[in-house]
N, C-alpha and C. Protein backbone atom coordinates (compact mmCIF):
# COMPACT_ATOMS: atom_id res chain seq x y z
N UNK A 1 -14.70 -84.59 6.23
CA UNK A 1 -14.68 -83.36 5.47
C UNK A 1 -13.82 -82.34 6.21
N UNK A 2 -12.96 -81.65 5.50
CA UNK A 2 -12.12 -80.65 6.13
C UNK A 2 -12.74 -79.27 5.95
N UNK A 3 -12.61 -78.46 6.97
CA UNK A 3 -13.12 -77.10 6.94
C UNK A 3 -12.14 -76.22 6.17
N UNK A 4 -12.67 -75.28 5.42
CA UNK A 4 -11.83 -74.32 4.72
C UNK A 4 -11.29 -73.32 5.73
N UNK A 5 -10.00 -73.05 5.64
CA UNK A 5 -9.40 -72.06 6.53
C UNK A 5 -9.83 -70.66 6.08
N UNK A 6 -9.88 -69.72 7.01
CA UNK A 6 -10.32 -68.37 6.64
C UNK A 6 -9.43 -67.69 5.60
N UNK A 7 -8.13 -67.92 5.66
CA UNK A 7 -7.21 -67.32 4.71
C UNK A 7 -6.65 -68.41 3.81
N UNK A 8 -6.80 -68.22 2.49
CA UNK A 8 -6.20 -69.14 1.53
C UNK A 8 -5.35 -68.33 0.56
N UNK A 9 -4.24 -68.94 0.16
CA UNK A 9 -3.28 -68.28 -0.73
C UNK A 9 -3.15 -69.11 -2.00
N UNK A 10 -3.31 -68.44 -3.13
CA UNK A 10 -3.20 -69.09 -4.44
C UNK A 10 -2.10 -68.39 -5.25
N UNK A 11 -1.41 -69.14 -6.07
CA UNK A 11 -0.33 -68.60 -6.88
C UNK A 11 -0.63 -68.86 -8.35
N UNK A 12 -0.39 -67.87 -9.19
CA UNK A 12 -0.65 -68.06 -10.62
C UNK A 12 0.34 -69.07 -11.20
N UNK A 13 -0.07 -69.71 -12.29
CA UNK A 13 0.73 -70.77 -12.91
C UNK A 13 2.12 -70.31 -13.33
N UNK A 14 2.22 -69.09 -13.86
CA UNK A 14 3.53 -68.58 -14.30
C UNK A 14 4.53 -68.52 -13.15
N UNK A 15 4.07 -68.09 -11.98
CA UNK A 15 4.97 -68.03 -10.82
C UNK A 15 5.34 -69.42 -10.33
N UNK A 16 4.40 -70.37 -10.41
CA UNK A 16 4.71 -71.75 -10.01
C UNK A 16 5.76 -72.36 -10.92
N UNK A 17 5.75 -71.99 -12.19
CA UNK A 17 6.76 -72.49 -13.12
C UNK A 17 8.11 -71.85 -12.87
N UNK A 18 8.13 -70.58 -12.49
CA UNK A 18 9.38 -69.87 -12.26
C UNK A 18 10.05 -70.26 -10.95
N UNK A 19 9.23 -70.52 -9.92
CA UNK A 19 9.76 -70.76 -8.58
C UNK A 19 9.23 -72.07 -8.04
N UNK A 20 10.06 -73.08 -8.04
CA UNK A 20 9.65 -74.44 -7.66
C UNK A 20 9.12 -74.51 -6.23
N UNK A 21 9.64 -73.67 -5.34
CA UNK A 21 9.26 -73.75 -3.92
C UNK A 21 8.10 -72.84 -3.54
N UNK A 22 7.53 -72.12 -4.49
CA UNK A 22 6.52 -71.12 -4.12
C UNK A 22 5.27 -71.76 -3.51
N UNK A 23 4.90 -72.95 -3.95
CA UNK A 23 3.71 -73.61 -3.40
C UNK A 23 3.92 -73.98 -1.94
N UNK A 24 5.08 -74.54 -1.62
CA UNK A 24 5.35 -74.91 -0.23
C UNK A 24 5.52 -73.66 0.65
N UNK A 25 6.12 -72.62 0.11
CA UNK A 25 6.26 -71.36 0.86
C UNK A 25 4.88 -70.79 1.16
N UNK A 26 4.00 -70.79 0.17
CA UNK A 26 2.65 -70.25 0.37
C UNK A 26 1.83 -71.09 1.34
N UNK A 27 2.02 -72.40 1.32
CA UNK A 27 1.31 -73.26 2.28
C UNK A 27 1.74 -72.95 3.71
N UNK A 28 3.04 -72.75 3.90
CA UNK A 28 3.55 -72.41 5.24
C UNK A 28 3.02 -71.05 5.68
N UNK A 29 3.04 -70.07 4.76
CA UNK A 29 2.54 -68.73 5.10
C UNK A 29 1.04 -68.74 5.37
N UNK A 30 0.32 -69.56 4.64
CA UNK A 30 -1.12 -69.69 4.86
C UNK A 30 -1.39 -70.18 6.29
N UNK A 31 -0.67 -71.20 6.72
CA UNK A 31 -0.83 -71.72 8.08
C UNK A 31 -0.44 -70.65 9.11
N UNK A 32 0.67 -69.97 8.85
CA UNK A 32 1.17 -68.94 9.76
C UNK A 32 0.15 -67.81 9.91
N UNK A 33 -0.37 -67.31 8.79
CA UNK A 33 -1.30 -66.17 8.86
C UNK A 33 -2.66 -66.57 9.41
N UNK A 34 -3.10 -67.79 9.17
CA UNK A 34 -4.34 -68.25 9.79
C UNK A 34 -4.19 -68.30 11.30
N UNK A 35 -3.04 -68.77 11.77
CA UNK A 35 -2.79 -68.82 13.22
C UNK A 35 -2.72 -67.41 13.79
N UNK A 36 -1.97 -66.52 13.13
CA UNK A 36 -1.82 -65.15 13.64
C UNK A 36 -3.14 -64.40 13.68
N UNK A 37 -3.97 -64.57 12.65
CA UNK A 37 -5.25 -63.88 12.65
C UNK A 37 -6.20 -64.47 13.70
N UNK A 38 -6.07 -65.77 13.93
CA UNK A 38 -6.89 -66.39 14.98
C UNK A 38 -6.50 -65.83 16.36
N UNK A 39 -5.19 -65.74 16.63
CA UNK A 39 -4.75 -65.22 17.93
C UNK A 39 -5.02 -63.72 18.06
N UNK A 40 -5.18 -63.02 16.93
CA UNK A 40 -5.53 -61.59 16.95
C UNK A 40 -7.05 -61.39 17.02
N UNK A 41 -7.78 -62.50 17.17
CA UNK A 41 -9.24 -62.49 17.34
C UNK A 41 -9.98 -61.92 16.13
N UNK A 42 -9.52 -62.27 14.94
CA UNK A 42 -10.23 -61.85 13.73
C UNK A 42 -11.53 -62.63 13.56
N UNK A 43 -11.67 -63.75 14.25
CA UNK A 43 -12.81 -64.65 14.03
C UNK A 43 -13.64 -64.80 15.30
N UNK A 44 -13.86 -63.71 16.00
CA UNK A 44 -14.60 -63.74 17.25
C UNK A 44 -16.02 -64.26 17.08
N UNK A 45 -16.68 -63.88 16.00
CA UNK A 45 -18.04 -64.33 15.73
C UNK A 45 -17.96 -65.52 14.77
N UNK A 46 -18.04 -66.72 15.32
CA UNK A 46 -17.85 -67.94 14.51
C UNK A 46 -18.94 -68.14 13.47
N UNK A 47 -20.08 -67.50 13.64
CA UNK A 47 -21.16 -67.62 12.66
C UNK A 47 -21.00 -66.63 11.52
N UNK A 48 -20.04 -65.72 11.64
CA UNK A 48 -19.88 -64.67 10.63
C UNK A 48 -18.39 -64.48 10.32
N UNK A 49 -17.72 -65.56 9.92
CA UNK A 49 -16.28 -65.50 9.66
C UNK A 49 -16.02 -64.92 8.28
N UNK A 50 -15.07 -64.00 8.22
CA UNK A 50 -14.64 -63.40 6.96
C UNK A 50 -13.59 -64.32 6.33
N UNK A 51 -13.80 -64.70 5.09
CA UNK A 51 -12.82 -65.49 4.35
C UNK A 51 -12.04 -64.56 3.44
N UNK A 52 -10.73 -64.77 3.39
CA UNK A 52 -9.85 -63.95 2.56
C UNK A 52 -9.10 -64.88 1.61
N UNK A 53 -9.30 -64.65 0.32
CA UNK A 53 -8.60 -65.42 -0.71
C UNK A 53 -7.56 -64.51 -1.35
N UNK A 54 -6.29 -64.85 -1.14
CA UNK A 54 -5.19 -64.04 -1.66
C UNK A 54 -4.62 -64.72 -2.90
N UNK A 55 -4.55 -63.96 -3.99
CA UNK A 55 -3.98 -64.46 -5.24
C UNK A 55 -2.68 -63.71 -5.51
N UNK A 56 -1.60 -64.46 -5.66
CA UNK A 56 -0.30 -63.86 -5.97
C UNK A 56 -0.11 -63.98 -7.47
N UNK A 57 0.17 -62.85 -8.11
CA UNK A 57 0.18 -62.76 -9.56
C UNK A 57 1.49 -62.18 -10.10
N UNK A 58 1.73 -62.45 -11.38
CA UNK A 58 2.81 -61.76 -12.10
C UNK A 58 2.31 -60.35 -12.41
N UNK A 59 3.20 -59.45 -12.82
CA UNK A 59 2.72 -58.10 -13.19
C UNK A 59 1.67 -58.15 -14.31
N UNK A 60 1.87 -59.03 -15.29
CA UNK A 60 0.93 -59.11 -16.41
C UNK A 60 -0.43 -59.64 -15.98
N UNK A 61 -0.44 -60.73 -15.22
CA UNK A 61 -1.73 -61.30 -14.79
C UNK A 61 -2.44 -60.38 -13.80
N UNK A 62 -1.67 -59.63 -13.01
CA UNK A 62 -2.25 -58.67 -12.07
C UNK A 62 -3.01 -57.58 -12.82
N UNK A 63 -2.40 -57.05 -13.89
CA UNK A 63 -3.04 -56.01 -14.68
C UNK A 63 -4.33 -56.53 -15.31
N UNK A 64 -4.30 -57.77 -15.81
CA UNK A 64 -5.52 -58.37 -16.38
C UNK A 64 -6.62 -58.48 -15.33
N UNK A 65 -6.26 -58.95 -14.14
CA UNK A 65 -7.25 -59.09 -13.04
C UNK A 65 -7.83 -57.73 -12.68
N UNK A 66 -6.95 -56.74 -12.59
CA UNK A 66 -7.40 -55.40 -12.19
C UNK A 66 -8.32 -54.80 -13.25
N UNK A 67 -7.98 -55.00 -14.53
CA UNK A 67 -8.80 -54.46 -15.61
C UNK A 67 -10.16 -55.14 -15.69
N UNK A 68 -10.24 -56.40 -15.25
CA UNK A 68 -11.50 -57.14 -15.29
C UNK A 68 -12.40 -56.83 -14.10
N UNK A 69 -11.87 -56.17 -13.09
CA UNK A 69 -12.63 -55.88 -11.88
C UNK A 69 -13.21 -54.47 -11.95
N UNK A 70 -14.44 -54.33 -11.55
CA UNK A 70 -15.08 -53.03 -11.50
C UNK A 70 -14.33 -52.14 -10.50
N UNK A 71 -13.88 -51.01 -10.96
CA UNK A 71 -13.13 -50.10 -10.08
C UNK A 71 -14.00 -49.55 -8.95
N UNK A 72 -15.29 -49.52 -9.15
CA UNK A 72 -16.19 -49.01 -8.11
C UNK A 72 -16.18 -49.91 -6.89
N UNK A 73 -16.03 -51.22 -7.09
CA UNK A 73 -16.09 -52.14 -5.96
C UNK A 73 -14.70 -52.53 -5.43
N UNK A 74 -13.65 -52.11 -6.11
CA UNK A 74 -12.29 -52.49 -5.70
C UNK A 74 -11.73 -51.51 -4.68
N UNK A 75 -10.97 -52.06 -3.74
CA UNK A 75 -10.23 -51.25 -2.75
C UNK A 75 -8.76 -51.38 -3.11
N UNK A 76 -8.15 -50.28 -3.57
CA UNK A 76 -6.74 -50.29 -3.93
C UNK A 76 -5.89 -50.00 -2.70
N UNK A 77 -4.98 -50.93 -2.40
CA UNK A 77 -4.08 -50.74 -1.26
C UNK A 77 -2.79 -50.07 -1.70
N UNK A 78 -2.36 -50.38 -2.91
CA UNK A 78 -1.12 -49.84 -3.48
C UNK A 78 -1.13 -50.16 -4.96
N UNK A 79 -0.03 -49.84 -5.65
CA UNK A 79 0.05 -50.15 -7.08
C UNK A 79 0.07 -51.65 -7.35
N UNK A 80 0.42 -52.44 -6.33
CA UNK A 80 0.55 -53.89 -6.54
C UNK A 80 -0.41 -54.72 -5.70
N UNK A 81 -1.47 -54.11 -5.18
CA UNK A 81 -2.43 -54.87 -4.37
C UNK A 81 -3.80 -54.19 -4.37
N UNK A 82 -4.84 -55.01 -4.58
CA UNK A 82 -6.21 -54.53 -4.47
C UNK A 82 -7.10 -55.68 -4.02
N UNK A 83 -8.31 -55.34 -3.57
CA UNK A 83 -9.25 -56.37 -3.14
C UNK A 83 -10.67 -55.93 -3.45
N UNK A 84 -11.57 -56.88 -3.35
CA UNK A 84 -13.00 -56.60 -3.49
C UNK A 84 -13.77 -57.71 -2.79
N UNK A 85 -14.99 -57.41 -2.42
CA UNK A 85 -15.84 -58.42 -1.78
C UNK A 85 -16.56 -59.22 -2.85
N UNK A 86 -16.55 -60.53 -2.68
CA UNK A 86 -17.27 -61.43 -3.57
C UNK A 86 -18.62 -61.71 -2.92
N UNK A 87 -19.64 -61.12 -3.46
CA UNK A 87 -20.99 -61.26 -2.89
C UNK A 87 -21.78 -62.39 -3.53
N UNK A 88 -21.13 -63.17 -4.39
CA UNK A 88 -21.85 -64.24 -5.08
C UNK A 88 -21.99 -65.51 -4.24
N UNK A 89 -21.28 -65.58 -3.14
CA UNK A 89 -21.33 -66.77 -2.28
C UNK A 89 -22.03 -66.42 -0.97
N UNK A 90 -22.45 -67.44 -0.25
CA UNK A 90 -23.10 -67.22 1.04
C UNK A 90 -22.10 -66.73 2.09
N UNK A 91 -20.85 -67.18 1.96
CA UNK A 91 -19.82 -66.77 2.92
C UNK A 91 -19.31 -65.38 2.56
N UNK A 92 -19.01 -64.60 3.60
CA UNK A 92 -18.41 -63.29 3.39
C UNK A 92 -16.97 -63.52 2.93
N UNK A 93 -16.66 -63.13 1.67
CA UNK A 93 -15.34 -63.42 1.11
C UNK A 93 -14.72 -62.17 0.52
N UNK A 94 -13.49 -61.91 0.93
CA UNK A 94 -12.70 -60.81 0.36
C UNK A 94 -11.68 -61.44 -0.57
N UNK A 95 -11.70 -61.04 -1.84
CA UNK A 95 -10.74 -61.53 -2.82
C UNK A 95 -9.66 -60.48 -2.94
N UNK A 96 -8.41 -60.90 -2.80
CA UNK A 96 -7.29 -59.96 -2.81
C UNK A 96 -6.26 -60.42 -3.85
N UNK A 97 -5.79 -59.48 -4.66
CA UNK A 97 -4.75 -59.76 -5.65
C UNK A 97 -3.50 -58.96 -5.29
N UNK A 98 -2.38 -59.66 -5.29
CA UNK A 98 -1.08 -59.05 -4.99
C UNK A 98 -0.13 -59.40 -6.13
N UNK A 99 0.54 -58.38 -6.66
CA UNK A 99 1.50 -58.62 -7.75
C UNK A 99 2.91 -58.70 -7.20
N UNK A 100 3.67 -59.63 -7.76
CA UNK A 100 5.12 -59.61 -7.59
C UNK A 100 5.61 -58.69 -8.70
N UNK A 101 6.19 -57.56 -8.36
CA UNK A 101 6.54 -56.55 -9.36
C UNK A 101 7.70 -57.01 -10.24
N UNK A 102 7.92 -56.29 -11.32
CA UNK A 102 9.04 -56.60 -12.22
C UNK A 102 10.37 -56.56 -11.46
N UNK A 103 10.55 -55.55 -10.63
CA UNK A 103 11.78 -55.41 -9.85
C UNK A 103 11.95 -56.59 -8.90
N UNK A 104 10.87 -56.97 -8.23
CA UNK A 104 10.93 -58.11 -7.31
C UNK A 104 11.22 -59.41 -8.05
N UNK A 105 10.61 -59.58 -9.24
CA UNK A 105 10.87 -60.79 -10.03
C UNK A 105 12.34 -60.87 -10.44
N UNK A 106 12.91 -59.75 -10.85
CA UNK A 106 14.32 -59.71 -11.22
C UNK A 106 15.19 -60.12 -10.03
N UNK A 107 14.90 -59.56 -8.88
CA UNK A 107 15.65 -59.88 -7.66
C UNK A 107 15.49 -61.36 -7.30
N UNK A 108 14.26 -61.87 -7.34
CA UNK A 108 14.01 -63.27 -6.99
C UNK A 108 14.66 -64.24 -7.97
N UNK A 109 14.73 -63.87 -9.24
CA UNK A 109 15.39 -64.74 -10.21
C UNK A 109 16.90 -64.81 -9.97
N UNK A 110 17.46 -63.74 -9.39
CA UNK A 110 18.89 -63.74 -9.06
C UNK A 110 19.16 -64.43 -7.73
N UNK A 111 18.23 -64.27 -6.78
CA UNK A 111 18.41 -64.81 -5.43
C UNK A 111 17.11 -65.49 -4.98
N UNK A 112 16.92 -66.71 -5.39
CA UNK A 112 15.67 -67.45 -5.10
C UNK A 112 15.44 -67.65 -3.61
N UNK A 113 16.49 -67.59 -2.81
CA UNK A 113 16.35 -67.79 -1.37
C UNK A 113 15.61 -66.64 -0.68
N UNK A 114 15.36 -65.54 -1.40
CA UNK A 114 14.62 -64.41 -0.82
C UNK A 114 13.10 -64.56 -0.95
N UNK A 115 12.65 -65.60 -1.64
CA UNK A 115 11.23 -65.78 -1.94
C UNK A 115 10.36 -65.78 -0.67
N UNK A 116 10.70 -66.61 0.29
CA UNK A 116 9.87 -66.73 1.50
C UNK A 116 9.79 -65.40 2.26
N UNK A 117 10.91 -64.74 2.42
CA UNK A 117 10.92 -63.47 3.14
C UNK A 117 10.13 -62.39 2.43
N UNK A 118 10.29 -62.31 1.12
CA UNK A 118 9.58 -61.30 0.34
C UNK A 118 8.06 -61.53 0.41
N UNK A 119 7.64 -62.77 0.22
CA UNK A 119 6.20 -63.06 0.28
C UNK A 119 5.65 -62.81 1.68
N UNK A 120 6.39 -63.18 2.70
CA UNK A 120 5.96 -62.94 4.08
C UNK A 120 5.71 -61.45 4.31
N UNK A 121 6.65 -60.62 3.89
CA UNK A 121 6.53 -59.17 4.10
C UNK A 121 5.35 -58.60 3.31
N UNK A 122 5.24 -58.98 2.02
CA UNK A 122 4.16 -58.45 1.19
C UNK A 122 2.79 -58.87 1.71
N UNK A 123 2.65 -60.14 2.06
CA UNK A 123 1.36 -60.63 2.54
C UNK A 123 0.99 -60.02 3.88
N UNK A 124 1.94 -59.91 4.79
CA UNK A 124 1.64 -59.32 6.09
C UNK A 124 1.24 -57.85 5.94
N UNK A 125 1.93 -57.14 5.06
CA UNK A 125 1.59 -55.73 4.81
C UNK A 125 0.14 -55.61 4.33
N UNK A 126 -0.23 -56.44 3.36
CA UNK A 126 -1.60 -56.38 2.83
C UNK A 126 -2.62 -56.83 3.87
N UNK A 127 -2.32 -57.88 4.62
CA UNK A 127 -3.24 -58.32 5.68
C UNK A 127 -3.44 -57.22 6.73
N UNK A 128 -2.40 -56.46 7.03
CA UNK A 128 -2.57 -55.36 7.98
C UNK A 128 -3.40 -54.22 7.38
N UNK A 129 -3.30 -54.01 6.07
CA UNK A 129 -4.16 -53.02 5.42
C UNK A 129 -5.62 -53.49 5.42
N UNK A 130 -5.81 -54.79 5.24
CA UNK A 130 -7.16 -55.37 5.33
C UNK A 130 -7.69 -55.22 6.75
N UNK A 131 -6.84 -55.47 7.74
CA UNK A 131 -7.24 -55.33 9.15
C UNK A 131 -7.70 -53.90 9.43
N UNK A 132 -6.95 -52.94 8.91
CA UNK A 132 -7.31 -51.54 9.11
C UNK A 132 -8.66 -51.24 8.45
N UNK A 133 -8.84 -51.74 7.22
CA UNK A 133 -10.09 -51.53 6.47
C UNK A 133 -11.28 -52.12 7.23
N UNK A 134 -11.10 -53.30 7.82
CA UNK A 134 -12.20 -54.00 8.50
C UNK A 134 -12.25 -53.74 10.00
N UNK A 135 -11.38 -52.86 10.48
CA UNK A 135 -11.30 -52.50 11.90
C UNK A 135 -11.00 -53.72 12.78
N UNK A 136 -9.97 -54.47 12.35
CA UNK A 136 -9.50 -55.62 13.09
C UNK A 136 -8.12 -55.33 13.66
N UNK A 137 -7.67 -56.17 14.58
CA UNK A 137 -6.34 -56.02 15.17
C UNK A 137 -5.26 -56.32 14.14
N UNK A 138 -4.26 -55.46 14.04
CA UNK A 138 -3.15 -55.68 13.11
C UNK A 138 -2.30 -56.86 13.57
N UNK A 139 -1.60 -57.47 12.62
CA UNK A 139 -0.75 -58.63 12.94
C UNK A 139 0.63 -58.17 13.37
């Protein structure tokens, strides 16, 4: 049985259809950010590990997710990122949604080679905002 990593990255179906390499890029970034957060001592208490599920969305799916989430429990990081705690599971889990904006989609459709860099920057920015929120070491 394999253990679930603390940080998991999911991509909406529309983005997977638009960008053939997005799944492999996200897998690499997932490994990278799990390693970076481990070396930053985010998981000092092994009995109380925080799990972070990051969902990368289109602008349309992001709006739907945001509208379905109670604003009282959501933490807005910016116009294109928010999170909330999922208290329905035994594990402490933070669910985070990040939108690839219309402008970013236009740019990525013209220059697909920018995908990895753009996702790296967006995800690291949000993870550092999460670190600040949870009083953890920034990456």
